Amino acid sequence: MTVTLTAKPLTKAGFAPYGSVIERYSADEQTSDNCYEINNGYAVRHHALAASKLDGGTVGMSIFRAKKRENPIALSVMEYHPFGTQAFVSMEGQDYIVVVAKAGASPQSPDDLAVFYAKSHQGVQYDANVWHHPLLALGRDSDFLVIDRINGDGNNCHEVDITDWQVFIELEDEHS
């Protein structure tokens, strides 16, 4: 039996159990402490949208090239990183899909998964230990800036195969 999941729009409130959405503060969220002019008025800083956290190692920046996924998207693996956060920001102006499950025990069924449709201007940062599917690029092969723990002791990537669940994400025409 196959299961089809529907992606919800990525919002800060909806994603909060899994980490942070990296996007400009809305007008309602802006305060003098988190949004202010810099560089002699030629830029506005949206301050502290997310904070990298790690246990050992150092914070590094990498680029991941993700291959375009075809509609419907077949899910295959969930992973988590116990020693730090992991952030992804699209560098190609392409939308993408985010699949997560709460930190802790591995997801046991499709009911444990949450699926979000991320717009190209939104990044995500997974909290440490949050289960997530590898990148699901839409439209074309896309580069993502990745900010996460590099080097350091211990295995920082644990995976569980979910291929046998036969879970798919089907995108509506306006998203594909």
N, C-alpha and C. Protein backbone atom coordinates (compact mmCIF):
# COMPACT_ATOMS: atom_id res chain seq x y z
N MET A 1 0.84 -1.18 0.00
CA MET A 1 0.00 0.00 0.00
C MET A 1 0.88 1.25 0.00
N THR A 2 0.56 2.20 -0.82
CA THR A 2 1.30 3.45 -0.86
C THR A 2 0.56 4.51 -0.04
N VAL A 3 1.33 5.47 0.45
CA VAL A 3 0.78 6.58 1.22
C VAL A 3 1.21 7.86 0.52
N THR A 4 0.27 8.77 0.32
CA THR A 4 0.57 10.06 -0.29
C THR A 4 0.40 11.14 0.77
N LEU A 5 1.44 11.95 0.96
CA LEU A 5 1.41 13.05 1.92
C LEU A 5 1.31 14.37 1.17
N THR A 6 0.71 15.34 1.82
CA THR A 6 0.54 16.67 1.24
C THR A 6 1.43 17.66 1.99
N ALA A 7 2.15 18.46 1.25
CA ALA A 7 3.02 19.47 1.86
C ALA A 7 2.20 20.68 2.28
N LYS A 8 2.46 21.14 3.51
CA LYS A 8 1.85 22.37 4.01
C LYS A 8 2.83 23.51 3.78
N PRO A 9 2.34 24.74 3.66
CA PRO A 9 3.27 25.87 3.54
C PRO A 9 4.19 25.94 4.77
N LEU A 10 5.46 26.23 4.56
CA LEU A 10 6.42 26.36 5.65
C LEU A 10 6.17 27.67 6.38
N THR A 11 5.88 27.57 7.68
CA THR A 11 5.70 28.75 8.53
C THR A 11 6.56 28.58 9.78
N LYS A 12 6.89 29.68 10.41
CA LYS A 12 7.69 29.63 11.63
C LYS A 12 6.96 28.84 12.72
N ALA A 13 5.68 29.10 12.88
CA ALA A 13 4.91 28.41 13.93
C ALA A 13 4.79 26.92 13.64
N GLY A 14 4.50 26.56 12.41
CA GLY A 14 4.35 25.15 12.06
C GLY A 14 5.64 24.36 12.17
N PHE A 15 6.77 25.02 11.91
CA PHE A 15 8.06 24.35 11.91
C PHE A 15 8.75 24.38 13.28
N ALA A 16 8.23 25.16 14.21
CA ALA A 16 8.88 25.36 15.51
C ALA A 16 9.23 24.07 16.26
N PRO A 17 8.43 23.00 16.21
CA PRO A 17 8.83 21.78 16.93
C PRO A 17 10.09 21.12 16.36
N TYR A 18 10.54 21.54 15.18
CA TYR A 18 11.65 20.89 14.49
C TYR A 18 12.88 21.78 14.37
N GLY A 19 12.71 23.08 14.53
CA GLY A 19 13.82 24.00 14.36
C GLY A 19 13.33 25.39 14.02
N SER A 20 14.11 26.08 13.16
CA SER A 20 13.82 27.48 12.81
C SER A 20 13.66 27.65 11.31
N VAL A 21 12.77 28.56 10.94
CA VAL A 21 12.66 28.99 9.55
C VAL A 21 13.54 30.23 9.43
N ILE A 22 14.38 30.25 8.42
CA ILE A 22 15.29 31.36 8.21
C ILE A 22 14.72 32.24 7.10
N GLU A 23 14.10 33.34 7.51
CA GLU A 23 13.53 34.32 6.58
C GLU A 23 13.43 35.65 7.31
N ARG A 24 13.27 36.71 6.55
CA ARG A 24 13.17 38.04 7.16
C ARG A 24 12.02 38.07 8.17
N TYR A 25 12.19 38.90 9.20
CA TYR A 25 11.10 39.12 10.14
C TYR A 25 9.97 39.85 9.43
N SER A 26 8.73 39.44 9.71
CA SER A 26 7.58 40.15 9.16
C SER A 26 7.46 41.49 9.89
N ALA A 27 6.65 42.38 9.37
CA ALA A 27 6.46 43.69 10.00
C ALA A 27 5.99 43.54 11.44
N ASP A 28 5.14 42.57 11.71
CA ASP A 28 4.65 42.34 13.07
C ASP A 28 5.72 41.81 14.02
N GLU A 29 6.72 41.13 13.49
CA GLU A 29 7.79 40.54 14.31
C GLU A 29 8.95 41.49 14.57
N GLN A 30 9.06 42.55 13.78
CA GLN A 30 10.21 43.44 13.87
C GLN A 30 10.19 44.29 15.14
N THR A 31 11.37 44.32 15.79
CA THR A 31 11.58 45.20 16.94
C THR A 31 12.89 45.94 16.70
N SER A 32 13.18 46.90 17.54
CA SER A 32 14.45 47.62 17.40
C SER A 32 15.64 46.73 17.74
N ASP A 33 15.41 45.62 18.43
CA ASP A 33 16.49 44.70 18.78
C ASP A 33 16.77 43.67 17.69
N ASN A 34 15.77 43.34 16.86
CA ASN A 34 15.99 42.27 15.87
C ASN A 34 16.00 42.76 14.42
N CYS A 35 15.70 44.03 14.18
CA CYS A 35 15.64 44.53 12.81
C CYS A 35 16.04 46.00 12.82
N TYR A 36 17.19 46.30 12.21
CA TYR A 36 17.68 47.67 12.26
C TYR A 36 18.60 47.96 11.09
N GLU A 37 18.72 49.27 10.78
CA GLU A 37 19.58 49.69 9.68
C GLU A 37 21.04 49.57 10.06
N ILE A 38 21.85 49.19 9.05
CA ILE A 38 23.30 49.12 9.20
C ILE A 38 23.93 49.69 7.93
N ASN A 39 25.23 49.76 7.90
CA ASN A 39 25.97 50.20 6.71
C ASN A 39 25.50 51.55 6.19
N ASN A 40 25.42 52.51 7.13
CA ASN A 40 25.00 53.88 6.79
C ASN A 40 23.66 53.94 6.11
N GLY A 41 22.76 53.04 6.50
CA GLY A 41 21.40 53.05 5.96
C GLY A 41 21.23 52.31 4.65
N TYR A 42 22.26 51.64 4.15
CA TYR A 42 22.17 50.92 2.89
C TYR A 42 21.78 49.46 3.05
N ALA A 43 21.56 49.04 4.27
CA ALA A 43 21.12 47.66 4.51
C ALA A 43 20.30 47.62 5.79
N VAL A 44 19.46 46.62 5.88
CA VAL A 44 18.70 46.35 7.09
C VAL A 44 19.08 44.97 7.58
N ARG A 45 19.46 44.88 8.84
CA ARG A 45 19.85 43.60 9.44
C ARG A 45 18.64 42.97 10.12
N HIS A 46 18.31 41.77 9.71
CA HIS A 46 17.32 40.94 10.39
C HIS A 46 18.14 40.00 11.26
N HIS A 47 18.28 40.36 12.53
CA HIS A 47 19.27 39.80 13.44
C HIS A 47 18.80 38.51 14.11
N ALA A 48 19.72 37.55 14.21
CA ALA A 48 19.54 36.33 15.01
C ALA A 48 18.30 35.53 14.60
N LEU A 49 18.19 35.24 13.31
CA LEU A 49 17.07 34.43 12.82
C LEU A 49 17.18 32.98 13.29
N ALA A 50 18.38 32.50 13.46
CA ALA A 50 18.65 31.15 13.97
C ALA A 50 20.07 31.17 14.53
N ALA A 51 20.34 30.27 15.46
CA ALA A 51 21.68 30.18 16.04
C ALA A 51 22.20 28.75 15.91
N SER A 52 23.37 28.60 15.29
CA SER A 52 23.98 27.29 15.18
C SER A 52 24.40 26.80 16.56
N LYS A 53 24.15 25.53 16.82
CA LYS A 53 24.56 24.92 18.09
C LYS A 53 25.27 23.63 17.77
N LEU A 54 26.33 23.34 18.53
CA LEU A 54 27.05 22.09 18.29
C LEU A 54 27.73 21.60 19.54
N ASP A 55 28.00 20.31 19.53
CA ASP A 55 28.72 19.64 20.59
C ASP A 55 29.99 19.09 19.98
N GLY A 56 31.11 19.77 20.19
CA GLY A 56 32.37 19.37 19.59
C GLY A 56 32.44 19.81 18.14
N GLY A 57 33.61 19.70 17.53
CA GLY A 57 33.78 20.11 16.14
C GLY A 57 33.68 21.61 16.00
N THR A 58 33.46 22.08 14.78
CA THR A 58 33.31 23.51 14.50
C THR A 58 32.14 23.71 13.56
N VAL A 59 31.65 24.94 13.51
CA VAL A 59 30.59 25.28 12.56
C VAL A 59 31.26 25.50 11.21
N GLY A 60 30.73 24.85 10.18
CA GLY A 60 31.26 25.00 8.83
C GLY A 60 30.17 25.34 7.85
N MET A 61 30.59 25.84 6.71
CA MET A 61 29.66 26.13 5.61
C MET A 61 30.07 25.31 4.41
N SER A 62 29.10 24.64 3.82
CA SER A 62 29.33 23.80 2.65
C SER A 62 28.25 24.10 1.62
N ILE A 63 28.45 23.63 0.42
CA ILE A 63 27.41 23.68 -0.60
C ILE A 63 27.06 22.25 -0.97
N PHE A 64 25.77 21.93 -0.89
CA PHE A 64 25.26 20.64 -1.34
C PHE A 64 24.55 20.86 -2.66
N ARG A 65 24.85 20.07 -3.67
CA ARG A 65 24.13 20.10 -4.94
C ARG A 65 23.09 18.99 -4.88
N ALA A 66 21.82 19.37 -4.86
CA ALA A 66 20.72 18.41 -4.77
C ALA A 66 20.11 18.20 -6.14
N LYS A 67 19.89 16.94 -6.49
CA LYS A 67 19.25 16.62 -7.77
C LYS A 67 17.76 16.85 -7.69
N LYS A 68 17.20 17.35 -8.76
CA LYS A 68 15.76 17.60 -8.85
C LYS A 68 15.00 16.30 -8.59
N ARG A 69 13.92 16.41 -7.83
CA ARG A 69 13.03 15.27 -7.57
C ARG A 69 11.83 15.37 -8.49
N GLU A 70 11.41 14.22 -8.99
CA GLU A 70 10.25 14.17 -9.88
C GLU A 70 8.98 13.99 -9.07
N ASN A 71 7.89 14.53 -9.59
CA ASN A 71 6.57 14.44 -8.98
C ASN A 71 5.89 13.16 -9.45
N PRO A 72 5.38 12.30 -8.57
CA PRO A 72 5.42 12.40 -7.11
C PRO A 72 6.80 12.03 -6.58
N ILE A 73 7.13 12.62 -5.44
CA ILE A 73 8.44 12.42 -4.82
C ILE A 73 8.36 11.20 -3.91
N ALA A 74 9.23 10.23 -4.14
CA ALA A 74 9.30 9.04 -3.29
C ALA A 74 10.28 9.29 -2.15
N LEU A 75 9.84 9.05 -0.91
CA LEU A 75 10.72 9.21 0.24
C LEU A 75 11.50 7.92 0.47
N SER A 76 12.75 8.07 0.94
CA SER A 76 13.60 6.89 1.05
C SER A 76 14.31 6.74 2.39
N VAL A 77 14.67 7.82 3.04
CA VAL A 77 15.48 7.71 4.25
C VAL A 77 15.21 8.91 5.15
N MET A 78 15.26 8.67 6.44
CA MET A 78 15.22 9.77 7.41
C MET A 78 16.54 9.71 8.18
N GLU A 79 17.04 10.88 8.56
CA GLU A 79 18.32 10.96 9.27
C GLU A 79 18.24 12.00 10.37
N TYR A 80 19.17 11.91 11.31
CA TYR A 80 19.29 12.95 12.33
C TYR A 80 20.75 13.13 12.69
N HIS A 81 21.05 14.29 13.29
CA HIS A 81 22.42 14.66 13.65
C HIS A 81 22.44 14.98 15.15
N PRO A 82 23.05 14.11 15.97
CA PRO A 82 23.01 14.30 17.41
C PRO A 82 23.91 15.40 17.95
N PHE A 83 24.92 15.83 17.18
CA PHE A 83 25.91 16.75 17.72
C PHE A 83 25.76 18.19 17.25
N GLY A 84 24.64 18.53 16.62
CA GLY A 84 24.48 19.93 16.25
C GLY A 84 23.31 20.19 15.32
N THR A 85 23.03 21.46 15.16
CA THR A 85 22.00 21.91 14.23
C THR A 85 22.51 21.77 12.80
N GLN A 86 21.59 21.84 11.85
CA GLN A 86 21.95 21.80 10.44
C GLN A 86 20.99 22.73 9.69
N ALA A 87 21.55 23.71 8.97
CA ALA A 87 20.75 24.69 8.25
C ALA A 87 20.94 24.55 6.74
N PHE A 88 19.85 24.79 6.00
CA PHE A 88 19.85 24.73 4.53
C PHE A 88 19.22 26.01 3.99
N VAL A 89 19.91 26.64 3.03
CA VAL A 89 19.40 27.84 2.38
C VAL A 89 19.58 27.67 0.87
N SER A 90 18.49 27.79 0.12
CA SER A 90 18.55 27.65 -1.33
C SER A 90 19.41 28.76 -1.92
N MET A 91 20.31 28.38 -2.82
CA MET A 91 21.16 29.36 -3.50
C MET A 91 20.71 29.56 -4.95
N GLU A 92 19.68 28.84 -5.37
CA GLU A 92 19.28 28.82 -6.78
C GLU A 92 17.93 29.50 -7.03
N GLY A 93 17.31 30.06 -6.00
CA GLY A 93 15.99 30.66 -6.18
C GLY A 93 14.92 29.62 -6.49
N GLN A 94 15.11 28.41 -5.99
CA GLN A 94 14.17 27.32 -6.23
C GLN A 94 13.46 26.93 -4.93
N ASP A 95 12.18 26.61 -5.06
CA ASP A 95 11.44 26.06 -3.94
C ASP A 95 11.90 24.63 -3.68
N TYR A 96 11.58 24.11 -2.49
CA TYR A 96 11.99 22.76 -2.14
C TYR A 96 11.03 22.19 -1.08
N ILE A 97 11.15 20.91 -0.83
CA ILE A 97 10.29 20.22 0.13
C ILE A 97 11.11 19.84 1.35
N VAL A 98 10.51 19.97 2.53
CA VAL A 98 11.13 19.62 3.80
C VAL A 98 10.26 18.56 4.47
N VAL A 99 10.87 17.43 4.83
CA VAL A 99 10.17 16.36 5.54
C VAL A 99 10.88 16.15 6.87
N VAL A 100 10.13 16.20 7.97
CA VAL A 100 10.71 16.10 9.31
C VAL A 100 9.88 15.18 10.20
N ALA A 101 10.51 14.73 11.28
CA ALA A 101 9.83 14.03 12.37
C ALA A 101 10.49 14.49 13.66
N LYS A 102 9.75 14.44 14.74
CA LYS A 102 10.25 14.96 16.00
C LYS A 102 11.51 14.23 16.47
N ALA A 103 12.31 14.96 17.24
CA ALA A 103 13.53 14.40 17.83
C ALA A 103 13.15 13.24 18.76
N GLY A 104 14.06 12.31 18.89
CA GLY A 104 13.82 11.17 19.78
C GLY A 104 13.87 9.89 18.99
N ALA A 105 12.98 8.97 19.34
CA ALA A 105 12.93 7.67 18.68
C ALA A 105 12.69 7.86 17.19
N SER A 106 13.20 6.93 16.39
CA SER A 106 13.03 7.05 14.94
C SER A 106 11.55 7.01 14.57
N PRO A 107 11.19 7.70 13.48
CA PRO A 107 9.79 7.65 13.04
C PRO A 107 9.39 6.20 12.74
N GLN A 108 8.16 5.84 13.12
CA GLN A 108 7.70 4.47 13.00
C GLN A 108 6.76 4.25 11.82
N SER A 109 6.18 5.35 11.31
CA SER A 109 5.24 5.23 10.19
C SER A 109 5.09 6.59 9.53
N PRO A 110 4.41 6.64 8.39
CA PRO A 110 4.17 7.94 7.74
C PRO A 110 3.42 8.93 8.63
N ASP A 111 2.68 8.42 9.61
CA ASP A 111 1.95 9.32 10.52
C ASP A 111 2.89 10.18 11.36
N ASP A 112 4.15 9.76 11.49
CA ASP A 112 5.12 10.52 12.28
C ASP A 112 5.79 11.64 11.49
N LEU A 113 5.51 11.73 10.19
CA LEU A 113 6.19 12.70 9.32
C LEU A 113 5.36 13.97 9.14
N ALA A 114 6.05 15.10 9.06
CA ALA A 114 5.44 16.38 8.70
C ALA A 114 6.13 16.86 7.43
N VAL A 115 5.35 17.37 6.48
CA VAL A 115 5.88 17.77 5.18
C VAL A 115 5.56 19.24 4.95
N PHE A 116 6.60 20.01 4.57
CA PHE A 116 6.45 21.43 4.35
C PHE A 116 6.95 21.81 2.96
N TYR A 117 6.26 22.77 2.35
CA TYR A 117 6.67 23.35 1.07
C TYR A 117 7.41 24.64 1.38
N ALA A 118 8.72 24.66 1.13
CA ALA A 118 9.55 25.83 1.42
C ALA A 118 9.71 26.66 0.15
N LYS A 119 9.43 27.94 0.26
CA LYS A 119 9.66 28.87 -0.84
C LYS A 119 11.15 29.19 -0.94
N SER A 120 11.57 29.64 -2.09
CA SER A 120 13.00 29.86 -2.36
C SER A 120 13.64 30.86 -1.40
N HIS A 121 12.86 31.77 -0.83
CA HIS A 121 13.41 32.78 0.09
C HIS A 121 13.47 32.29 1.54
N GLN A 122 13.08 31.04 1.77
CA GLN A 122 13.08 30.49 3.13
C GLN A 122 14.18 29.44 3.28
N GLY A 123 14.91 29.55 4.37
CA GLY A 123 15.84 28.50 4.75
C GLY A 123 15.27 27.78 5.96
N VAL A 124 15.85 26.64 6.28
CA VAL A 124 15.44 25.91 7.48
C VAL A 124 16.68 25.54 8.28
N GLN A 125 16.53 25.52 9.58
CA GLN A 125 17.56 24.97 10.45
C GLN A 125 16.92 23.92 11.34
N TYR A 126 17.39 22.68 11.19
CA TYR A 126 16.91 21.58 12.02
C TYR A 126 17.62 21.65 13.36
N ASP A 127 16.86 21.47 14.45
CA ASP A 127 17.48 21.31 15.75
C ASP A 127 18.25 20.00 15.78
N ALA A 128 19.23 19.88 16.66
CA ALA A 128 19.95 18.62 16.85
C ALA A 128 18.92 17.53 17.19
N ASN A 129 19.14 16.35 16.67
CA ASN A 129 18.32 15.16 16.92
C ASN A 129 16.98 15.14 16.20
N VAL A 130 16.66 16.16 15.42
CA VAL A 130 15.41 16.16 14.66
C VAL A 130 15.60 15.30 13.41
N TRP A 131 14.70 14.37 13.22
CA TRP A 131 14.73 13.51 12.03
C TRP A 131 14.31 14.32 10.82
N HIS A 132 15.00 14.14 9.70
CA HIS A 132 14.64 14.83 8.46
C HIS A 132 15.08 14.00 7.26
N HIS A 133 14.37 14.22 6.18
CA HIS A 133 14.72 13.57 4.91
C HIS A 133 15.82 14.40 4.25
N PRO A 134 16.73 13.78 3.50
CA PRO A 134 17.69 14.57 2.73
C PRO A 134 16.98 15.55 1.78
N LEU A 135 17.72 16.49 1.26
CA LEU A 135 17.18 17.56 0.41
C LEU A 135 16.26 17.04 -0.70
N LEU A 136 15.17 17.76 -0.89
CA LEU A 136 14.20 17.44 -1.95
C LEU A 136 14.03 18.68 -2.82
N ALA A 137 14.91 18.82 -3.80
CA ALA A 137 14.93 19.99 -4.69
C ALA A 137 13.82 19.89 -5.73
N LEU A 138 13.22 21.00 -6.03
CA LEU A 138 12.17 21.08 -7.05
C LEU A 138 12.65 21.92 -8.24
N GLY A 139 12.10 21.65 -9.40
CA GLY A 139 12.36 22.49 -10.57
C GLY A 139 13.59 22.14 -11.35
N ARG A 140 14.74 22.03 -10.67
CA ARG A 140 16.01 21.69 -11.32
C ARG A 140 17.02 21.31 -10.25
N ASP A 141 18.15 20.76 -10.66
CA ASP A 141 19.24 20.52 -9.72
C ASP A 141 19.58 21.86 -9.08
N SER A 142 19.78 21.87 -7.77
CA SER A 142 19.95 23.14 -7.06
C SER A 142 21.03 23.05 -6.00
N ASP A 143 21.73 24.17 -5.82
CA ASP A 143 22.73 24.29 -4.77
C ASP A 143 22.08 24.85 -3.51
N PHE A 144 22.52 24.32 -2.36
CA PHE A 144 22.07 24.81 -1.06
C PHE A 144 23.29 25.11 -0.22
N LEU A 145 23.27 26.27 0.44
CA LEU A 145 24.28 26.57 1.45
C LEU A 145 23.89 25.79 2.69
N VAL A 146 24.83 25.01 3.23
CA VAL A 146 24.58 24.19 4.41
C VAL A 146 25.52 24.66 5.52
N ILE A 147 24.93 24.95 6.68
CA ILE A 147 25.70 25.38 7.84
C ILE A 147 25.48 24.33 8.92
N ASP A 148 26.56 23.61 9.26
CA ASP A 148 26.44 22.53 10.24
C ASP A 148 27.78 22.21 10.87
N ARG A 149 27.77 21.23 11.73
CA ARG A 149 28.98 20.79 12.42
C ARG A 149 29.87 20.03 11.45
N ILE A 150 31.14 20.45 11.39
CA ILE A 150 32.11 19.71 10.59
C ILE A 150 33.19 19.20 11.54
N ASN A 151 33.83 18.13 11.15
CA ASN A 151 34.84 17.44 11.94
C ASN A 151 34.33 17.14 13.35
N GLY A 152 35.19 16.85 14.27
CA GLY A 152 34.77 16.48 15.62
C GLY A 152 34.59 14.98 15.75
N ASP A 153 34.58 14.51 16.97
CA ASP A 153 34.47 13.09 17.26
C ASP A 153 33.02 12.62 17.20
N GLY A 154 32.83 11.35 16.94
CA GLY A 154 31.51 10.72 16.99
C GLY A 154 30.80 10.74 15.65
N ASN A 155 29.86 9.83 15.51
CA ASN A 155 29.04 9.73 14.31
C ASN A 155 27.92 10.76 14.40
N ASN A 156 27.94 11.76 13.54
CA ASN A 156 26.95 12.82 13.58
C ASN A 156 25.84 12.64 12.55
N CYS A 157 25.71 11.47 11.98
CA CYS A 157 24.61 11.23 11.03
C CYS A 157 24.12 9.79 11.21
N HIS A 158 22.89 9.67 11.67
CA HIS A 158 22.23 8.37 11.83
C HIS A 158 21.05 8.32 10.88
N GLU A 159 20.89 7.18 10.20
CA GLU A 159 19.84 7.05 9.18
C GLU A 159 18.96 5.84 9.44
N VAL A 160 17.73 5.94 8.96
CA VAL A 160 16.81 4.82 8.94
C VAL A 160 16.14 4.79 7.57
N ASP A 161 16.14 3.63 6.95
CA ASP A 161 15.56 3.45 5.62
C ASP A 161 14.03 3.35 5.74
N ILE A 162 13.31 4.17 4.96
CA ILE A 162 11.84 4.12 4.98
C ILE A 162 11.27 3.77 3.60
N THR A 163 12.13 3.27 2.72
CA THR A 163 11.68 2.94 1.36
C THR A 163 10.49 2.00 1.37
N ASP A 164 10.50 1.01 2.26
CA ASP A 164 9.41 0.02 2.28
C ASP A 164 8.08 0.61 2.75
N TRP A 165 8.08 1.84 3.27
CA TRP A 165 6.82 2.49 3.63
C TRP A 165 6.03 2.92 2.39
N GLN A 166 6.73 3.07 1.27
CA GLN A 166 6.13 3.53 0.01
C GLN A 166 5.36 4.84 0.20
N VAL A 167 6.09 5.84 0.72
CA VAL A 167 5.52 7.16 0.97
C VAL A 167 5.90 8.09 -0.17
N PHE A 168 4.90 8.82 -0.66
CA PHE A 168 5.09 9.77 -1.76
C PHE A 168 4.52 11.12 -1.37
N ILE A 169 5.12 12.15 -1.93
CA ILE A 169 4.59 13.50 -1.82
C ILE A 169 4.18 13.89 -3.23
N GLU A 170 2.91 14.19 -3.39
CA GLU A 170 2.42 14.61 -4.69
C GLU A 170 2.17 16.11 -4.63
N LEU A 171 2.79 16.83 -5.56
CA LEU A 171 2.66 18.28 -5.59
C LEU A 171 1.54 18.70 -6.53
N GLU A 172 0.83 19.73 -6.12
CA GLU A 172 -0.19 20.29 -6.98
C GLU A 172 0.48 20.95 -8.18
N ASP A 173 -0.26 21.13 -9.25
CA ASP A 173 0.31 21.68 -10.49
C ASP A 173 1.04 22.99 -10.29
N GLU A 174 0.49 23.89 -9.44
CA GLU A 174 1.13 25.21 -9.29
C GLU A 174 2.47 25.11 -8.56
N HIS A 175 2.75 24.00 -7.87
CA HIS A 175 4.03 23.84 -7.17
C HIS A 175 5.05 23.09 -8.00
N SER A 176 4.63 22.36 -9.02
CA SER A 176 5.59 21.50 -9.72
C SER A 176 6.27 22.19 -10.87
